[in-house]
């Protein structure tokens, strides 16, 4: 089955634990250039290799290297991630603080944190099909954190707001969301 066919396969028909199914989709999207993630998804090379082996055991060798057309793009994305490593770490730690205690959460947290550094909606930067799919991934792995998004704020905005409330490092310019001139940027429809 091709990367594209796997990525379009319904989650319910994938006979794996949910995290492996989501990570399989994210890996496929990254390989096809449908995400902002660098080659190793923000993971250590050994962890990335183990993830590929778990998701694609019969074709792991084909997935380990960057496709020739993607090498420059992946190198740039990896460099950008490295420049923002402290921010990535804070995002990962925020996610892990709300974890459910399931297998694979540390890997999912690292990948989601790397995607938070992208410039589009988080579900797109991960290469997922929809915001609903992202919500399911977050509620499964980080239910205590996801439950705090009671106003359905966009996920990246929500995560940065959480960091701001923790230590003030990422400051929102508005005194309250209701008074903010860019309210729609945080709470509006995603398309």
C-alpha atoms as a PDB file:
ATOM      1  CA  UNK A   1       0.000   0.000   0.000  1.00  0.00           C
ATOM      2  CA  UNK A   2       1.352   3.460  -0.884  1.00  0.00           C
ATOM      3  CA  UNK A   3       1.978   6.293   1.601  1.00  0.00           C
ATOM      4  CA  UNK A   4      -1.003   8.174   0.180  1.00  0.00           C
ATOM      5  CA  UNK A   5      -3.292   5.151   0.495  1.00  0.00           C
ATOM      6  CA  UNK A   6      -2.217   4.601   4.100  1.00  0.00           C
ATOM      7  CA  UNK A   7      -2.789   8.244   4.937  1.00  0.00           C
ATOM      8  CA  UNK A   8      -6.342   8.081   3.555  1.00  0.00           C
ATOM      9  CA  UNK A   9      -7.185   4.820   5.306  1.00  0.00           C
ATOM     10  CA  UNK A  10      -9.824   5.337   8.039  1.00  0.00           C
ATOM     11  CA  UNK A  11      -8.402   5.206  11.551  1.00  0.00           C
ATOM     12  CA  UNK A  12     -10.949   2.531  12.501  1.00  0.00           C
ATOM     13  CA  UNK A  13      -9.581   0.111   9.889  1.00  0.00           C
ATOM     14  CA  UNK A  14      -5.987   0.314  11.153  1.00  0.00           C
ATOM     15  CA  UNK A  15      -5.407  -2.706  13.438  1.00  0.00           C
ATOM     16  CA  UNK A  16      -2.946  -1.008  15.806  1.00  0.00           C
ATOM     17  CA  UNK A  17      -2.996   0.888  19.010  1.00  0.00           C
ATOM     18  CA  UNK A  18      -4.233   4.441  18.437  1.00  0.00           C
ATOM     19  CA  UNK A  19      -0.820   6.070  18.891  1.00  0.00           C
ATOM     20  CA  UNK A  20       0.808   3.864  16.289  1.00  0.00           C
ATOM     21  CA  UNK A  21      -2.049   4.604  13.888  1.00  0.00           C
ATOM     22  CA  UNK A  22      -1.729   8.379  14.411  1.00  0.00           C
ATOM     23  CA  UNK A  23       2.059   8.251  14.167  1.00  0.00           C
ATOM     24  CA  UNK A  24       1.798   6.178  10.995  1.00  0.00           C
ATOM     25  CA  UNK A  25      -0.376   8.868   9.442  1.00  0.00           C
ATOM     26  CA  UNK A  26       1.959  11.633  10.630  1.00  0.00           C
ATOM     27  CA  UNK A  27       5.006   9.798   9.245  1.00  0.00           C
ATOM     28  CA  UNK A  28       3.285   9.273   5.897  1.00  0.00           C
ATOM     29  CA  UNK A  29       2.242  12.932   5.717  1.00  0.00           C
ATOM     30  CA  UNK A  30       5.786  14.070   6.501  1.00  0.00           C
ATOM     31  CA  UNK A  31       7.241  11.805   3.830  1.00  0.00           C
ATOM     32  CA  UNK A  32       4.764  13.199   1.290  1.00  0.00           C
ATOM     33  CA  UNK A  33       5.482  16.825   2.216  1.00  0.00           C
ATOM     34  CA  UNK A  34       2.031  17.371   3.774  1.00  0.00           C
ATOM     35  CA  UNK A  35       3.318  18.565   7.155  1.00  0.00           C
ATOM     36  CA  UNK A  36       5.852  21.000   8.545  1.00  0.00           C
ATOM     37  CA  UNK A  37       7.815  18.301  10.353  1.00  0.00           C
ATOM     38  CA  UNK A  38      11.515  17.656   9.733  1.00  0.00           C
ATOM     39  CA  UNK A  39      12.759  14.207   8.708  1.00  0.00           C
ATOM     40  CA  UNK A  40      13.053  12.853  12.260  1.00  0.00           C
ATOM     41  CA  UNK A  41       9.816  14.558  13.413  1.00  0.00           C
ATOM     42  CA  UNK A  42      11.658  16.253  16.275  1.00  0.00           C
ATOM     43  CA  UNK A  43      12.793  12.882  17.639  1.00  0.00           C
ATOM     44  CA  UNK A  44      16.266  11.531  18.239  1.00  0.00           C
ATOM     45  CA  UNK A  45      17.390   9.507  15.174  1.00  0.00           C
ATOM     46  CA  UNK A  46      17.266   6.221  17.158  1.00  0.00           C
ATOM     47  CA  UNK A  47      13.725   6.931  18.375  1.00  0.00           C
ATOM     48  CA  UNK A  48      12.683   7.877  14.844  1.00  0.00           C
ATOM     49  CA  UNK A  49      14.155   4.623  13.473  1.00  0.00           C
ATOM     50  CA  UNK A  50      12.327   2.593  16.141  1.00  0.00           C
ATOM     51  CA  UNK A  51       9.089   4.398  15.319  1.00  0.00           C
ATOM     52  CA  UNK A  52       9.458   3.609  11.626  1.00  0.00           C
ATOM     53  CA  UNK A  53      10.131  -0.038  12.483  1.00  0.00           C
ATOM     54  CA  UNK A  54       6.969  -0.118  14.627  1.00  0.00           C
ATOM     55  CA  UNK A  55       4.765   1.648  12.050  1.00  0.00           C
ATOM     56  CA  UNK A  56       6.107   0.097   8.858  1.00  0.00           C
ATOM     57  CA  UNK A  57       7.895  -3.133   9.842  1.00  0.00           C
ATOM     58  CA  UNK A  58       7.745  -4.646   6.362  1.00  0.00           C
ATOM     59  CA  UNK A  59       9.191  -1.532   4.676  1.00  0.00           C
ATOM     60  CA  UNK A  60      11.284   0.151   7.364  1.00  0.00           C
ATOM     61  CA  UNK A  61      14.373   0.367   5.145  1.00  0.00           C
ATOM     62  CA  UNK A  62      12.479   2.427   2.563  1.00  0.00           C
ATOM     63  CA  UNK A  63      11.387   4.973   5.169  1.00  0.00           C
ATOM     64  CA  UNK A  64      14.621   5.653   7.045  1.00  0.00           C
ATOM     65  CA  UNK A  65      16.268   8.110   4.656  1.00  0.00           C
ATOM     66  CA  UNK A  66      14.848  11.336   3.294  1.00  0.00           C
ATOM     67  CA  UNK A  67      13.472  11.134  -0.234  1.00  0.00           C
ATOM     68  CA  UNK A  68      15.903  12.980  -2.569  1.00  0.00           C
ATOM     69  CA  UNK A  69      13.369  15.712  -3.388  1.00  0.00           C
ATOM     70  CA  UNK A  70      12.854  16.411   0.333  1.00  0.00           C
ATOM     71  CA  UNK A  71      16.434  16.569   1.640  1.00  0.00           C
ATOM     72  CA  UNK A  72      16.837  20.350   1.407  1.00  0.00           C
ATOM     73  CA  UNK A  73      13.374  20.989   2.897  1.00  0.00           C
ATOM     74  CA  UNK A  74      13.997  18.534   5.755  1.00  0.00           C
ATOM     75  CA  UNK A  75      17.426  19.999   6.503  1.00  0.00           C
ATOM     76  CA  UNK A  76      15.945  23.494   6.775  1.00  0.00           C
ATOM     77  CA  UNK A  77      13.113  22.281   9.022  1.00  0.00           C
ATOM     78  CA  UNK A  78      15.564  20.429  11.262  1.00  0.00           C
ATOM     79  CA  UNK A  79      17.722  23.558  11.531  1.00  0.00           C
ATOM     80  CA  UNK A  80      14.709  25.690  12.463  1.00  0.00           C
ATOM     81  CA  UNK A  81      13.686  23.159  15.098  1.00  0.00           C
ATOM     82  CA  UNK A  82      17.174  23.221  16.576  1.00  0.00           C
ATOM     83  CA  UNK A  83      17.086  27.035  16.794  1.00  0.00           C
ATOM     84  CA  UNK A  84      13.848  26.784  18.789  1.00  0.00           C
ATOM     85  CA  UNK A  85      14.797  23.739  20.880  1.00  0.00           C
ATOM     86  CA  UNK A  86      14.005  25.457  24.224  1.00  0.00           C
ATOM     87  CA  UNK A  87      10.518  26.382  23.010  1.00  0.00           C
ATOM     88  CA  UNK A  88      10.024  22.820  21.715  1.00  0.00           C
ATOM     89  CA  UNK A  89      11.067  21.445  25.124  1.00  0.00           C
ATOM     90  CA  UNK A  90       8.564  23.695  26.953  1.00  0.00           C
ATOM     91  CA  UNK A  91       5.750  22.615  24.643  1.00  0.00           C
ATOM     92  CA  UNK A  92       6.669  18.932  25.018  1.00  0.00           C
ATOM     93  CA  UNK A  93       6.792  19.266  28.799  1.00  0.00           C
ATOM     94  CA  UNK A  94       3.407  21.035  28.830  1.00  0.00           C
ATOM     95  CA  UNK A  95       1.891  18.123  26.915  1.00  0.00           C
ATOM     96  CA  UNK A  96       3.538  15.514  29.124  1.00  0.00           C
ATOM     97  CA  UNK A  97       2.256  17.243  32.260  1.00  0.00           C
ATOM     98  CA  UNK A  98      -1.284  16.411  31.079  1.00  0.00           C
ATOM     99  CA  UNK A  99      -0.603  12.849  29.918  1.00  0.00           C
ATOM    100  CA  UNK A 100      -2.859   9.860  30.452  1.00  0.00           C
ATOM    101  CA  UNK A 101      -0.098   7.310  31.105  1.00  0.00           C
ATOM    102  CA  UNK A 102      -0.343   5.432  27.803  1.00  0.00           C
ATOM    103  CA  UNK A 103       2.442   3.859  25.785  1.00  0.00           C
ATOM    104  CA  UNK A 104       3.928   6.180  23.188  1.00  0.00           C
ATOM    105  CA  UNK A 105       2.904   9.476  24.798  1.00  0.00           C
ATOM    106  CA  UNK A 106       6.463  10.783  25.023  1.00  0.00           C
ATOM    107  CA  UNK A 107       6.914  10.254  21.273  1.00  0.00           C
ATOM    108  CA  UNK A 108       3.546  11.846  20.482  1.00  0.00           C
ATOM    109  CA  UNK A 109       4.377  14.818  22.742  1.00  0.00           C
ATOM    110  CA  UNK A 110       7.725  15.361  20.995  1.00  0.00           C
ATOM    111  CA  UNK A 111       6.121  15.231  17.545  1.00  0.00           C
ATOM    112  CA  UNK A 112       3.213  17.516  18.472  1.00  0.00           C
ATOM    113  CA  UNK A 113       5.659  19.994  20.030  1.00  0.00           C
ATOM    114  CA  UNK A 114       7.714  20.018  16.821  1.00  0.00           C
ATOM    115  CA  UNK A 115       4.572  20.643  14.764  1.00  0.00           C
ATOM    116  CA  UNK A 116       3.628  23.553  17.050  1.00  0.00           C
ATOM    117  CA  UNK A 117       6.636  25.387  15.606  1.00  0.00           C
ATOM    118  CA  UNK A 118       5.066  25.351  12.146  1.00  0.00           C
ATOM    119  CA  UNK A 119       3.093  28.212  10.638  1.00  0.00           C
ATOM    120  CA  UNK A 120      -0.283  26.597   9.917  1.00  0.00           C
ATOM    121  CA  UNK A 121      -3.051  25.065  12.028  1.00  0.00           C
ATOM    122  CA  UNK A 122      -1.613  22.311  14.207  1.00  0.00           C
ATOM    123  CA  UNK A 123      -3.656  19.563  12.574  1.00  0.00           C
ATOM    124  CA  UNK A 124      -2.271  20.584   9.189  1.00  0.00           C
ATOM    125  CA  UNK A 125       1.291  20.944  10.478  1.00  0.00           C
ATOM    126  CA  UNK A 126       0.999  17.350  11.724  1.00  0.00           C
ATOM    127  CA  UNK A 127      -0.463  16.194   8.405  1.00  0.00           C
ATOM    128  CA  UNK A 128      -3.717  15.033   9.988  1.00  0.00           C
ATOM    129  CA  UNK A 129      -7.037  15.100   8.150  1.00  0.00           C
ATOM    130  CA  UNK A 130      -8.938  17.425  10.483  1.00  0.00           C
ATOM    131  CA  UNK A 131      -9.059  19.324  13.739  1.00  0.00           C
ATOM    132  CA  UNK A 132     -11.361  16.593  15.072  1.00  0.00           C
ATOM    133  CA  UNK A 133      -8.651  14.014  14.482  1.00  0.00           C
ATOM    134  CA  UNK A 134      -6.176  16.235  16.359  1.00  0.00           C
ATOM    135  CA  UNK A 135      -8.639  16.643  19.232  1.00  0.00           C
ATOM    136  CA  UNK A 136      -9.000  12.844  19.466  1.00  0.00           C
ATOM    137  CA  UNK A 137      -5.204  12.425  19.536  1.00  0.00           C
ATOM    138  CA  UNK A 138      -4.829  15.073  22.260  1.00  0.00           C
ATOM    139  CA  UNK A 139      -7.726  13.805  24.379  1.00  0.00           C
ATOM    140  CA  UNK A 140      -6.386  10.244  24.180  1.00  0.00           C
ATOM    141  CA  UNK A 141      -2.827  11.130  25.152  1.00  0.00           C
ATOM    142  CA  UNK A 142      -3.095  14.358  27.163  1.00  0.00           C
ATOM    143  CA  UNK A 143      -6.629  14.395  28.581  1.00  0.00           C
ATOM    144  CA  UNK A 144      -5.907  16.692  31.539  1.00  0.00           C
ATOM    145  CA  UNK A 145      -4.448  19.333  29.226  1.00  0.00           C
ATOM    146  CA  UNK A 146      -7.085  18.908  26.504  1.00  0.00           C
ATOM    147  CA  UNK A 147      -9.884  19.217  29.084  1.00  0.00           C
ATOM    148  CA  UNK A 148      -8.694  22.734  29.941  1.00  0.00           C
ATOM    149  CA  UNK A 149      -9.481  23.943  26.406  1.00  0.00           C
ATOM    150  CA  UNK A 150     -13.102  24.573  27.421  1.00  0.00           C
ATOM    151  CA  UNK A 151     -13.657  27.397  24.917  1.00  0.00           C
ATOM    152  CA  UNK A 152     -12.425  25.385  21.911  1.00  0.00           C
ATOM    153  CA  UNK A 153      -9.443  27.676  21.388  1.00  0.00           C
ATOM    154  CA  UNK A 154      -7.158  26.773  18.499  1.00  0.00           C
ATOM    155  CA  UNK A 155      -4.669  24.280  19.838  1.00  0.00           C
ATOM    156  CA  UNK A 156      -1.404  26.146  19.221  1.00  0.00           C
ATOM    157  CA  UNK A 157      -2.843  29.339  20.678  1.00  0.00           C
ATOM    158  CA  UNK A 158      -4.145  27.326  23.623  1.00  0.00           C
ATOM    159  CA  UNK A 159      -0.760  25.709  24.283  1.00  0.00           C
ATOM    160  CA  UNK A 160       1.076  29.039  24.177  1.00  0.00           C
ATOM    161  CA  UNK A 161      -1.539  30.596  26.434  1.00  0.00           C
ATOM    162  CA  UNK A 162      -0.962  27.758  28.890  1.00  0.00           C
ATOM    163  CA  UNK A 163       2.782  28.457  28.800  1.00  0.00           C
ATOM    164  CA  UNK A 164       2.074  32.142  29.354  1.00  0.00           C
ATOM    165  CA  UNK A 165      -0.067  31.368  32.388  1.00  0.00           C
ATOM    166  CA  UNK A 166       2.648  29.076  33.780  1.00  0.00           C
ATOM    167  CA  UNK A 167       5.573  31.467  33.688  1.00  0.00           C
ATOM    168  CA  UNK A 168       4.781  34.438  31.488  1.00  0.00           C
ATOM    169  CA  UNK A 169       7.411  33.617  28.872  1.00  0.00           C
ATOM    170  CA  UNK A 170       4.941  33.770  25.974  1.00  0.00           C
ATOM    171  CA  UNK A 171       2.845  36.836  26.577  1.00  0.00           C
ATOM    172  CA  UNK A 172      -0.506  37.410  24.935  1.00  0.00           C
ATOM    173  CA  UNK A 173      -0.986  41.089  24.116  1.00  0.00           C
ATOM    174  CA  UNK A 174      -4.610  41.224  25.197  1.00  0.00           C
ATOM    175  CA  UNK A 175      -5.814  41.663  28.793  1.00  0.00           C
ATOM    176  CA  UNK A 176      -8.642  39.215  28.098  1.00  0.00           C
ATOM    177  CA  UNK A 177      -9.769  37.138  25.157  1.00  0.00           C
ATOM    178  CA  UNK A 178     -13.136  38.857  24.909  1.00  0.00           C
ATOM    179  CA  UNK A 179     -11.436  42.275  24.496  1.00  0.00           C
ATOM    180  CA  UNK A 180      -8.831  41.092  22.012  1.00  0.00           C
ATOM    181  CA  UNK A 181      -8.977  42.523  18.477  1.00  0.00           C
ATOM    182  CA  UNK A 182      -7.673  39.225  17.080  1.00  0.00           C
ATOM    183  CA  UNK A 183     -10.205  37.025  18.923  1.00  0.00           C
ATOM    184  CA  UNK A 184     -11.100  35.276  15.643  1.00  0.00           C
ATOM    185  CA  UNK A 185      -7.452  34.191  15.189  1.00  0.00           C
ATOM    186  CA  UNK A 186      -7.659  32.132  18.375  1.00  0.00           C
ATOM    187  CA  UNK A 187     -11.269  30.983  18.382  1.00  0.00           C
ATOM    188  CA  UNK A 188     -12.548  31.286  14.792  1.00  0.00           C
ATOM    189  CA  UNK A 189     -13.304  28.468  12.398  1.00  0.00           C
ATOM    190  CA  UNK A 190     -10.346  26.575  10.970  1.00  0.00           C
ATOM    191  CA  UNK A 191     -10.329  25.832   7.283  1.00  0.00           C
END
